[in-house]
Each structure stands twice: as C-alpha cells, then as structure tokens.
Protein backbone atom coordinates (compact mmCIF):
# COMPACT_ATOMS: atom_id res chain seq x y z
CA MET A 1 -20.43 7.92 -2.88
CA GLN A 2 -20.72 4.65 -0.20
CA PRO A 3 -19.73 5.91 3.36
CA PRO A 4 -16.70 3.97 4.69
CA SER A 5 -17.37 0.50 6.09
CA ILE A 6 -16.65 1.01 10.31
CA ILE A 7 -13.69 -0.74 10.39
CA THR A 8 -12.12 1.35 8.45
CA ASN A 9 -12.78 4.09 10.35
CA LEU A 10 -11.77 2.42 12.84
CA TRP A 11 -8.60 1.95 11.18
CA ASP A 12 -8.01 5.41 10.42
CA ARG A 13 -8.72 6.55 13.42
CA TYR A 14 -6.63 4.26 15.59
CA PHE A 15 -3.40 4.58 12.97
CA TYR A 16 -3.59 8.45 12.16
CA TYR A 17 -4.24 9.28 15.37
CA PRO A 18 -3.22 6.22 18.24
CA PRO A 19 -3.77 6.40 21.61
CA GLU A 20 0.02 7.14 23.24
CA PHE A 21 -0.48 3.13 24.99
CA LEU A 22 -0.75 1.55 21.73
CA LYS A 23 1.26 3.90 19.23
CA ASP A 24 4.79 2.40 19.14
CA TYR A 25 2.45 -1.52 18.27
CA ILE A 26 0.96 0.10 15.52
CA LEU A 27 3.64 1.61 13.83
CA ASP A 28 5.76 -1.76 14.57
CA LYS A 29 3.69 -3.65 12.91
CA THR A 30 2.60 -1.26 10.07
CA LEU A 31 6.71 -1.06 9.72
CA GLU A 32 6.94 -4.91 9.91
CA THR A 33 4.07 -5.47 6.94
CA GLN A 34 5.59 -2.76 4.90
CA LYS A 35 9.00 -4.69 5.09
CA LEU A 36 7.70 -7.80 4.21
CA PHE A 37 5.76 -6.95 1.32
CA LEU A 38 8.62 -4.87 -0.03
CA GLU A 39 10.68 -8.04 0.43
CA ARG A 40 8.28 -9.81 -1.52
CA ILE A 41 7.69 -7.74 -4.45
CA THR A 42 11.64 -7.20 -4.76
CA MET A 43 11.97 -10.21 -4.64
CA LEU A 44 9.21 -10.11 -7.76
CA PHE A 45 10.76 -7.74 -9.23
CA GLU A 46 14.13 -9.69 -9.17
CA GLU A 47 12.64 -12.70 -10.95
CA GLY A 48 11.19 -10.72 -13.42
CA ILE A 49 14.55 -8.84 -14.62
CA ARG A 50 16.33 -12.42 -14.50
CA LYS A 51 13.54 -13.81 -17.08
CA GLY A 52 13.74 -10.37 -19.40
CA GLU A 53 10.24 -9.78 -18.90
CA VAL A 54 11.05 -6.66 -16.93
CA LYS A 55 14.22 -3.95 -18.06
CA ARG A 56 17.09 -4.10 -15.69
CA GLN A 57 16.87 -1.27 -13.31
CA PRO A 58 16.82 -1.41 -9.42
CA SER A 59 14.72 -3.70 -8.16
CA ARG A 60 13.96 -1.66 -4.97
CA ASN A 61 12.81 1.42 -6.79
CA LEU A 62 10.73 -0.82 -8.78
CA ALA A 63 9.84 -2.29 -5.69
CA LEU A 64 9.05 1.40 -3.77
CA ALA A 65 7.60 2.31 -7.01
CA PHE A 66 4.43 -0.20 -7.44
CA TYR A 67 4.65 -0.37 -3.52
CA TYR A 68 3.48 3.54 -3.22
CA LEU A 69 0.70 3.28 -6.68
CA MET A 70 -0.62 0.72 -3.99
CA ILE A 71 -0.81 2.88 -1.62
CA GLY A 72 -2.08 5.56 -3.59
CA LEU A 73 -4.62 3.47 -5.49
CA SER A 74 -5.92 2.43 -2.17
CA MET A 75 -6.69 5.41 -1.02
CA SER A 76 -8.32 7.07 -3.37
CA VAL A 77 -10.90 3.77 -3.62
CA LYS A 78 -12.40 5.28 -0.10
CA LEU A 79 -11.98 8.32 -1.70
CA TYR A 80 -14.47 7.56 -4.26
CA ASP A 81 -17.60 5.26 -5.92
CA LYS A 82 -16.84 2.43 -8.59
CA THR A 83 -18.40 4.77 -11.04
CA GLU A 84 -16.28 8.22 -10.07
CA LEU A 85 -13.35 5.64 -10.71
CA GLU A 86 -14.65 3.99 -13.77
CA ARG A 87 -14.64 7.66 -15.82
CA VAL A 88 -11.26 8.17 -14.93
CA PRO A 89 -8.97 7.73 -18.70
C-alpha cells in the first residue's frame, strides 16, 4: 500500500482536527461545496427521470445516495491500494 500524500495528510488533519481559528471557515466551505455538488447531482437525476433513463423516485434521495457512495469510494481508495481494490468482486 502506498502512503498517503502529504496534501492528503494535511487536508485530513485540518478537516477532522482543525485549529480553532479555521474550524468555522473549513466547515462553511465544506458545506457550501457539498450543497453545490448535491444540487448539481439532483439536477442530473431529474433530467434522467424526465428522459426515462432513471426510475422515477425522489431525485434528492438519489443524489444523496450517489454522493455518499462517492465519499465512501474516495475513502476506500485512500485505505487500499489499486491491487486490493481490483480484487473486490
């Protein structure tokens, strides 16, 4: 397994254990980014539903499921190397 990059380590450190003077700023920026990302994903699912490409269901729920799937995937990529991920059926 490859060690995480210094940038990844720095981001994780500041995100999970921010210095008090950066805590609110990091939280605000993270929530802002999450909101924009979820809005865009929701719009894409709504378009897919209109075109009949996606089964009709609440687009917000689809967007949240996709968002958290991507978060989980990004975390697993950090925890496992490429050969370990390729072995997963």
